[in-house]
Amino acid sequence: MSERKQQVSRRQFLNYTLTGVGGFMGAAMLAPMVRMAVDPVLQPKKEGDFVAVTEVSKLTKEPQRFNFKIEQVDAWYTSEVTKAAWVYKKENDEIVALSPICKHLGCVVNWEGGQGHEDRFYCPCHGGLYEKSGKNVPGTPPLAPLDSYKTKVKDGTLYLGEAVPNMEV
């Protein structure tokens, strides 16, 4: 048996070299794009951010609309967004904060739409009705209750957190 050394021809050497260099260059170009796409997903989410809205002493049994600003981060862009909430106290002094966004098509609901809509939230877009608790009235367009904001009271000030689907009604 004769042992023959495996020799690499010039053609094979150039093929291996160009493939390696091309692969390295492709990976170098692709890495920043992959990082840009994946990085926002890997960032830790801020949980439990609450924003001061009003003094608790100003709340009544009648829903009042309060506007507040939050800092919103979309990937690398940070902006200040104005949000709103309908806030009132129940008979037992429990605070209820409801989102004004209708669950039908996203219009803004008003308290006491008038003309038979007394003591209810009314959506002027398609005639949606909600009870004071935020529960949707059967037979009207909304199929789900208004979202509720997480609430926290500290030193006589009402703080609102994120809006969550209202399951208590």
C-alpha atoms as a PDB file:
ATOM      1  CA  MET A   1       0.000   0.000   0.000  1.00  0.00           C
ATOM      2  CA  SER A   2       1.274   3.330  -0.867  1.00  0.00           C
ATOM      3  CA  GLU A   3       0.409   6.267   1.269  1.00  0.00           C
ATOM      4  CA  ARG A   4      -0.314   9.292  -0.702  1.00  0.00           C
ATOM      5  CA  LYS A   5      -0.371  12.728   0.870  1.00  0.00           C
ATOM      6  CA  GLN A   6      -3.540  14.619   0.349  1.00  0.00           C
ATOM      7  CA  GLN A   7      -2.558  17.781  -1.427  1.00  0.00           C
ATOM      8  CA  VAL A   8      -4.773  20.792  -1.894  1.00  0.00           C
ATOM      9  CA  SER A   9      -4.804  22.160  -5.395  1.00  0.00           C
ATOM     10  CA  ARG A  10      -4.709  25.877  -6.106  1.00  0.00           C
ATOM     11  CA  ARG A  11      -8.314  25.779  -7.207  1.00  0.00           C
ATOM     12  CA  GLN A  12      -9.425  24.129  -3.933  1.00  0.00           C
ATOM     13  CA  PHE A  13      -7.338  26.570  -1.871  1.00  0.00           C
ATOM     14  CA  LEU A  14      -8.925  29.581  -3.582  1.00  0.00           C
ATOM     15  CA  ASN A  15     -12.380  28.022  -3.235  1.00  0.00           C
ATOM     16  CA  TYR A  16     -11.901  27.468   0.535  1.00  0.00           C
ATOM     17  CA  THR A  17     -10.417  30.925   1.040  1.00  0.00           C
ATOM     18  CA  LEU A  18     -13.122  32.788  -0.877  1.00  0.00           C
ATOM     19  CA  THR A  19     -15.882  30.785   0.848  1.00  0.00           C
ATOM     20  CA  GLY A  20     -14.392  31.574   4.278  1.00  0.00           C
ATOM     21  CA  VAL A  21     -13.933  35.273   3.548  1.00  0.00           C
ATOM     22  CA  GLY A  22     -17.402  35.534   1.984  1.00  0.00           C
ATOM     23  CA  GLY A  23     -18.983  33.782   4.972  1.00  0.00           C
ATOM     24  CA  PHE A  24     -17.157  36.047   7.411  1.00  0.00           C
ATOM     25  CA  MET A  25     -18.262  39.175   5.505  1.00  0.00           C
ATOM     26  CA  GLY A  26     -21.859  37.940   5.315  1.00  0.00           C
ATOM     27  CA  ALA A  27     -21.929  37.259   9.061  1.00  0.00           C
ATOM     28  CA  ALA A  28     -20.396  40.673   9.767  1.00  0.00           C
ATOM     29  CA  MET A  29     -23.166  42.351   7.747  1.00  0.00           C
ATOM     30  CA  LEU A  30     -25.976  40.225   9.179  1.00  0.00           C
ATOM     31  CA  ALA A  31     -25.014  40.469  12.891  1.00  0.00           C
ATOM     32  CA  PRO A  32     -26.011  44.157  13.389  1.00  0.00           C
ATOM     33  CA  MET A  33     -29.331  43.574  11.620  1.00  0.00           C
ATOM     34  CA  VAL A  34     -30.154  40.587  13.796  1.00  0.00           C
ATOM     35  CA  ARG A  35     -29.171  42.497  16.922  1.00  0.00           C
ATOM     36  CA  MET A  36     -31.315  45.464  15.900  1.00  0.00           C
ATOM     37  CA  ALA A  37     -34.329  43.191  15.423  1.00  0.00           C
ATOM     38  CA  VAL A  38     -33.859  41.136  18.584  1.00  0.00           C
ATOM     39  CA  ASP A  39     -32.519  43.694  21.088  1.00  0.00           C
ATOM     40  CA  PRO A  40     -35.848  45.450  21.918  1.00  0.00           C
ATOM     41  CA  VAL A  41     -37.459  42.088  22.629  1.00  0.00           C
ATOM     42  CA  LEU A  42     -34.712  41.164  25.085  1.00  0.00           C
ATOM     43  CA  GLN A  43     -34.927  44.418  27.051  1.00  0.00           C
ATOM     44  CA  PRO A  44     -36.552  44.016  30.489  1.00  0.00           C
ATOM     45  CA  LYS A  45     -40.093  45.364  30.656  1.00  0.00           C
ATOM     46  CA  LYS A  46     -41.005  47.947  33.232  1.00  0.00           C
ATOM     47  CA  GLU A  47     -43.689  46.452  35.416  1.00  0.00           C
ATOM     48  CA  GLY A  48     -45.737  48.342  37.938  1.00  0.00           C
ATOM     49  CA  ASP A  49     -45.115  51.897  36.771  1.00  0.00           C
ATOM     50  CA  PHE A  50     -47.739  54.116  38.357  1.00  0.00           C
ATOM     51  CA  VAL A  51     -48.460  57.754  37.459  1.00  0.00           C
ATOM     52  CA  ALA A  52     -49.893  60.370  39.834  1.00  0.00           C
ATOM     53  CA  VAL A  53     -53.304  61.487  38.562  1.00  0.00           C
ATOM     54  CA  THR A  54     -55.186  63.457  41.234  1.00  0.00           C
ATOM     55  CA  GLU A  55     -55.769  63.897  44.932  1.00  0.00           C
ATOM     56  CA  VAL A  56     -58.148  61.326  46.414  1.00  0.00           C
ATOM     57  CA  SER A  57     -60.093  64.124  48.132  1.00  0.00           C
ATOM     58  CA  LYS A  58     -61.211  65.399  44.693  1.00  0.00           C
ATOM     59  CA  LEU A  59     -62.929  62.114  43.781  1.00  0.00           C
ATOM     60  CA  THR A  60     -66.716  61.825  43.943  1.00  0.00           C
ATOM     61  CA  LYS A  61     -69.311  59.101  43.469  1.00  0.00           C
ATOM     62  CA  GLU A  62     -69.886  60.517  39.976  1.00  0.00           C
ATOM     63  CA  PRO A  63     -67.324  59.487  37.319  1.00  0.00           C
ATOM     64  CA  GLN A  64     -64.893  62.279  36.418  1.00  0.00           C
ATOM     65  CA  ARG A  65     -62.492  62.303  33.520  1.00  0.00           C
ATOM     66  CA  PHE A  66     -58.824  62.800  34.379  1.00  0.00           C
ATOM     67  CA  ASN A  67     -56.013  63.178  31.841  1.00  0.00           C
ATOM     68  CA  PHE A  68     -52.476  62.101  32.678  1.00  0.00           C
ATOM     69  CA  LYS A  69     -49.209  61.664  30.800  1.00  0.00           C
ATOM     70  CA  ILE A  70     -47.044  58.578  30.562  1.00  0.00           C
ATOM     71  CA  GLU A  71     -43.675  57.966  28.985  1.00  0.00           C
ATOM     72  CA  GLN A  72     -44.008  55.481  26.134  1.00  0.00           C
ATOM     73  CA  VAL A  73     -41.003  53.665  24.697  1.00  0.00           C
ATOM     74  CA  ASP A  74     -41.230  52.181  21.196  1.00  0.00           C
ATOM     75  CA  ALA A  75     -37.952  50.368  20.550  1.00  0.00           C
ATOM     76  CA  TRP A  76     -35.461  53.252  20.855  1.00  0.00           C
ATOM     77  CA  TYR A  77     -37.965  56.099  20.544  1.00  0.00           C
ATOM     78  CA  THR A  78     -39.328  57.606  23.762  1.00  0.00           C
ATOM     79  CA  SER A  79     -42.367  59.875  23.685  1.00  0.00           C
ATOM     80  CA  GLU A  80     -44.840  61.385  26.118  1.00  0.00           C
ATOM     81  CA  VAL A  81     -48.420  60.199  25.577  1.00  0.00           C
ATOM     82  CA  THR A  82     -51.591  61.650  27.103  1.00  0.00           C
ATOM     83  CA  LYS A  83     -54.024  59.075  28.481  1.00  0.00           C
ATOM     84  CA  ALA A  84     -57.395  59.475  30.153  1.00  0.00           C
ATOM     85  CA  ALA A  85     -59.441  57.655  32.766  1.00  0.00           C
ATOM     86  CA  TRP A  86     -62.953  57.848  34.173  1.00  0.00           C
ATOM     87  CA  VAL A  87     -62.480  57.725  37.954  1.00  0.00           C
ATOM     88  CA  TYR A  88     -65.033  57.552  40.770  1.00  0.00           C
ATOM     89  CA  LYS A  89     -65.527  56.188  44.278  1.00  0.00           C
ATOM     90  CA  LYS A  90     -67.954  53.372  45.036  1.00  0.00           C
ATOM     91  CA  GLU A  91     -70.274  53.512  48.056  1.00  0.00           C
ATOM     92  CA  ASN A  92     -67.614  51.655  50.116  1.00  0.00           C
ATOM     93  CA  ASP A  93     -64.989  54.288  49.087  1.00  0.00           C
ATOM     94  CA  GLU A  94     -63.276  51.817  46.746  1.00  0.00           C
ATOM     95  CA  ILE A  95     -61.758  53.679  43.795  1.00  0.00           C
ATOM     96  CA  VAL A  96     -62.673  52.610  40.269  1.00  0.00           C
ATOM     97  CA  ALA A  97     -60.669  53.839  37.255  1.00  0.00           C
ATOM     98  CA  LEU A  98     -61.963  52.881  33.811  1.00  0.00           C
ATOM     99  CA  SER A  99     -60.399  53.341  30.409  1.00  0.00           C
ATOM    100  CA  PRO A 100     -62.485  55.589  28.127  1.00  0.00           C
ATOM    101  CA  ILE A 101     -61.720  53.439  25.063  1.00  0.00           C
ATOM    102  CA  CYS A 102     -64.787  51.612  23.718  1.00  0.00           C
ATOM    103  CA  LYS A 103     -64.231  47.900  23.198  1.00  0.00           C
ATOM    104  CA  HIS A 104     -66.209  47.942  19.939  1.00  0.00           C
ATOM    105  CA  LEU A 105     -64.077  50.073  17.621  1.00  0.00           C
ATOM    106  CA  GLY A 106     -61.874  52.129  19.939  1.00  0.00           C
ATOM    107  CA  CYS A 107     -63.880  55.350  20.114  1.00  0.00           C
ATOM    108  CA  VAL A 108     -63.903  57.422  23.309  1.00  0.00           C
ATOM    109  CA  VAL A 109     -66.868  56.951  25.642  1.00  0.00           C
ATOM    110  CA  ASN A 110     -68.542  59.783  27.560  1.00  0.00           C
ATOM    111  CA  TRP A 111     -70.355  59.713  30.878  1.00  0.00           C
ATOM    112  CA  GLU A 112     -74.102  60.330  30.654  1.00  0.00           C
ATOM    113  CA  GLY A 113     -74.740  60.493  26.958  1.00  0.00           C
ATOM    114  CA  GLY A 114     -78.187  61.990  27.617  1.00  0.00           C
ATOM    115  CA  GLN A 115     -81.497  61.071  25.928  1.00  0.00           C
ATOM    116  CA  GLY A 116     -82.103  57.857  27.827  1.00  0.00           C
ATOM    117  CA  HIS A 117     -78.440  57.166  28.557  1.00  0.00           C
ATOM    118  CA  GLU A 118     -78.387  58.681  32.054  1.00  0.00           C
ATOM    119  CA  ASP A 119     -76.010  57.042  34.553  1.00  0.00           C
ATOM    120  CA  ARG A 120     -74.247  55.144  31.775  1.00  0.00           C
ATOM    121  CA  PHE A 121     -71.176  55.508  29.625  1.00  0.00           C
ATOM    122  CA  TYR A 122     -72.137  56.194  26.020  1.00  0.00           C
ATOM    123  CA  CYS A 123     -70.078  55.703  22.871  1.00  0.00           C
ATOM    124  CA  PRO A 124     -71.256  58.197  20.228  1.00  0.00           C
ATOM    125  CA  CYS A 125     -69.687  56.280  17.309  1.00  0.00           C
ATOM    126  CA  HIS A 126     -72.120  53.363  17.159  1.00  0.00           C
ATOM    127  CA  GLY A 127     -74.374  53.804  20.191  1.00  0.00           C
ATOM    128  CA  GLY A 128     -72.452  51.571  22.583  1.00  0.00           C
ATOM    129  CA  LEU A 129     -73.550  51.610  26.223  1.00  0.00           C
ATOM    130  CA  TYR A 130     -71.759  50.645  29.433  1.00  0.00           C
ATOM    131  CA  GLU A 131     -73.018  50.535  33.003  1.00  0.00           C
ATOM    132  CA  LYS A 132     -71.284  52.716  35.614  1.00  0.00           C
ATOM    133  CA  SER A 133     -69.186  49.684  36.609  1.00  0.00           C
ATOM    134  CA  GLY A 134     -67.852  49.449  33.042  1.00  0.00           C
ATOM    135  CA  LYS A 135     -69.946  46.393  32.121  1.00  0.00           C
ATOM    136  CA  ASN A 136     -71.207  46.462  28.551  1.00  0.00           C
ATOM    137  CA  VAL A 137     -74.987  46.635  28.097  1.00  0.00           C
ATOM    138  CA  PRO A 138     -76.308  43.580  26.200  1.00  0.00           C
ATOM    139  CA  GLY A 139     -77.785  44.348  22.792  1.00  0.00           C
ATOM    140  CA  THR A 140     -75.386  47.225  22.100  1.00  0.00           C
ATOM    141  CA  PRO A 141     -72.251  46.955  19.906  1.00  0.00           C
ATOM    142  CA  PRO A 142     -69.540  46.485  22.597  1.00  0.00           C
ATOM    143  CA  LEU A 143     -68.922  42.809  23.351  1.00  0.00           C
ATOM    144  CA  ALA A 144     -66.647  43.332  26.371  1.00  0.00           C
ATOM    145  CA  PRO A 145     -66.520  45.628  29.415  1.00  0.00           C
ATOM    146  CA  LEU A 146     -64.287  48.693  29.601  1.00  0.00           C
ATOM    147  CA  ASP A 147     -60.719  48.054  30.740  1.00  0.00           C
ATOM    148  CA  SER A 148     -59.790  49.005  34.324  1.00  0.00           C
ATOM    149  CA  TYR A 149     -56.643  50.772  35.416  1.00  0.00           C
ATOM    150  CA  LYS A 150     -54.632  49.388  38.311  1.00  0.00           C
ATOM    151  CA  THR A 151     -54.949  51.847  41.190  1.00  0.00           C
ATOM    152  CA  LYS A 152     -52.762  52.728  44.151  1.00  0.00           C
ATOM    153  CA  VAL A 153     -53.225  55.414  46.804  1.00  0.00           C
ATOM    154  CA  LYS A 154     -50.179  56.886  48.489  1.00  0.00           C
ATOM    155  CA  ASP A 155     -50.091  59.991  50.705  1.00  0.00           C
ATOM    156  CA  GLY A 156     -53.570  61.064  49.583  1.00  0.00           C
ATOM    157  CA  THR A 157     -52.715  60.879  45.870  1.00  0.00           C
ATOM    158  CA  LEU A 158     -54.256  58.475  43.377  1.00  0.00           C
ATOM    159  CA  TYR A 159     -51.785  56.669  41.129  1.00  0.00           C
ATOM    160  CA  LEU A 160     -52.848  54.737  38.028  1.00  0.00           C
ATOM    161  CA  GLY A 161     -50.963  51.844  36.469  1.00  0.00           C
ATOM    162  CA  GLU A 162     -51.563  49.939  33.276  1.00  0.00           C
ATOM    163  CA  ALA A 163     -55.039  49.198  31.916  1.00  0.00           C
ATOM    164  CA  VAL A 164     -56.103  45.563  32.203  1.00  0.00           C
ATOM    165  CA  PRO A 165     -59.207  43.778  30.896  1.00  0.00           C
ATOM    166  CA  ASN A 166     -62.069  44.196  33.346  1.00  0.00           C
ATOM    167  CA  MET A 167     -63.057  40.754  34.607  1.00  0.00           C
ATOM    168  CA  GLU A 168     -64.763  41.799  37.865  1.00  0.00           C
ATOM    169  CA  VAL A 169     -68.013  43.123  36.418  1.00  0.00           C
END
